[in-house]
Protein backbone atom coordinates (compact mmCIF):
# COMPACT_ATOMS: atom_id res chain seq x y z
CA UNK A 1 -0.02 -0.13 -0.20
CA UNK A 2 2.65 2.81 0.93
CA UNK A 3 5.21 1.61 -2.23
CA UNK A 4 1.87 2.62 -4.32
CA UNK A 5 1.50 5.83 -2.73
CA UNK A 6 5.25 6.41 -3.27
CA UNK A 7 4.16 5.50 -7.30
CA UNK A 8 1.41 7.94 -7.34
CA UNK A 9 3.42 10.65 -5.84
CA UNK A 10 6.39 9.83 -8.37
CA UNK A 11 3.75 10.15 -11.41
CA UNK A 12 2.64 13.30 -10.23
CA UNK A 13 6.05 14.79 -9.75
CA UNK A 14 7.13 13.65 -12.98
CA UNK A 15 3.87 14.63 -14.54
CA UNK A 16 4.10 18.27 -13.29
CA UNK A 17 7.91 18.59 -14.29
CA UNK A 18 6.88 17.66 -18.00
CA UNK A 19 3.76 19.68 -18.13
CA UNK A 20 6.10 22.61 -17.17
CA UNK A 21 8.51 22.23 -19.64
CA UNK A 22 6.10 21.26 -22.52
CA UNK A 23 4.66 25.19 -21.15
CA UNK A 24 8.62 26.62 -21.11
CA UNK A 25 9.00 25.37 -24.37
CA UNK A 26 6.07 26.22 -26.30
CA UNK A 27 7.07 29.95 -24.51
CA UNK A 28 11.24 30.14 -25.64
CA UNK A 29 10.17 28.33 -29.26
CA UNK A 30 7.67 30.38 -31.53
CA UNK A 31 7.76 27.46 -34.10
CA UNK A 32 6.71 24.52 -31.86
CA UNK A 33 3.72 27.32 -30.42
CA UNK A 34 2.66 27.47 -34.08
CA UNK A 35 2.65 23.87 -34.83
CA UNK A 36 0.56 23.57 -32.08
CA UNK A 37 -1.67 26.34 -32.94
CA UNK A 38 -2.37 24.51 -36.25
CA UNK A 39 -2.68 21.20 -34.72
CA UNK A 40 -5.63 23.34 -32.67
CA UNK A 41 -7.31 24.49 -35.82
CA UNK A 42 -6.72 21.43 -37.72
CA UNK A 43 -8.46 19.21 -34.52
CA UNK A 44 -11.58 21.58 -35.09
CA UNK A 45 -11.47 20.67 -38.64
CA UNK A 46 -11.03 16.76 -37.88
CA UNK A 47 -13.83 16.93 -35.28
CA UNK A 48 -16.21 17.60 -37.91
CA UNK A 49 -15.09 14.93 -40.69
CA UNK A 50 -15.25 12.58 -37.79
CA UNK A 51 -19.20 14.07 -37.16
CA UNK A 52 -20.00 12.91 -40.85
CA UNK A 53 -18.76 9.70 -40.41
CA UNK A 54 -20.98 6.43 -39.33
CA UNK A 55 -20.16 5.80 -35.54
CA UNK A 56 -18.35 2.88 -36.12
CA UNK A 57 -15.52 4.30 -38.45
CA UNK A 58 -15.79 7.18 -35.52
CA UNK A 59 -15.25 4.90 -33.19
CA UNK A 60 -12.32 3.44 -34.72
CA UNK A 61 -10.74 7.00 -35.62
CA UNK A 62 -11.36 8.07 -32.18
CA UNK A 63 -9.95 5.01 -29.99
CA UNK A 64 -6.89 5.22 -32.33
CA UNK A 65 -5.92 9.22 -31.50
CA UNK A 66 -6.48 8.66 -28.31
CA UNK A 67 -4.38 5.65 -28.27
CA UNK A 68 -1.59 7.93 -29.93
CA UNK A 69 -1.89 10.60 -27.58
CA UNK A 70 -1.41 8.18 -24.27
CA UNK A 71 1.41 6.26 -25.99
CA UNK A 72 2.94 10.11 -26.71
CA UNK A 73 2.35 10.52 -22.94
CA UNK A 74 4.14 7.83 -22.00
CA UNK A 75 6.90 7.91 -23.80
CA UNK A 76 7.68 11.56 -22.86
CA UNK A 77 7.50 10.64 -18.95
CA UNK A 78 9.52 7.53 -20.26
CA UNK A 79 12.23 10.07 -22.11
CA UNK A 80 12.39 12.61 -18.95
CA UNK A 81 13.16 9.42 -16.30
CA UNK A 82 15.83 8.14 -18.65
CA UNK A 83 17.25 11.66 -19.30
CA UNK A 84 17.45 11.73 -15.52
CA UNK A 85 19.05 9.03 -15.33
CA UNK A 86 21.50 9.77 -18.26
CA UNK A 87 22.13 12.89 -16.66
CA UNK A 88 23.25 11.01 -13.41
CA UNK A 89 25.26 8.19 -14.65
CA UNK A 90 27.62 11.32 -16.99
CA UNK A 91 28.00 13.24 -13.38
CA UNK A 92 28.99 10.06 -12.11
CA UNK A 93 31.53 9.81 -15.16
CA UNK A 94 33.00 13.33 -14.54
CA UNK A 95 33.50 12.73 -11.01
CA UNK A 96 31.01 15.40 -10.04
CA UNK A 97 28.89 13.21 -7.91
């Protein structure tokens, strides 16, 4: 039970830090901000397209995009943690820690 609590806290911490990094990237990088704005506009168009499809096809495409977003989120979290591990490994190699 206690381990689950720590896992939940860790997951929350990583989520907060990755979201902070994404916000910072948007502030510092006008290209990514522009891409996100374009994606937002495309999303509205995609919703209109989905509405015109029959329910089975719409459901399949919706599940596909939701799963793609979930995979991307999990990959971001994994890469964030891997980056931290790589940083520690490099600092050890350099004799800093």
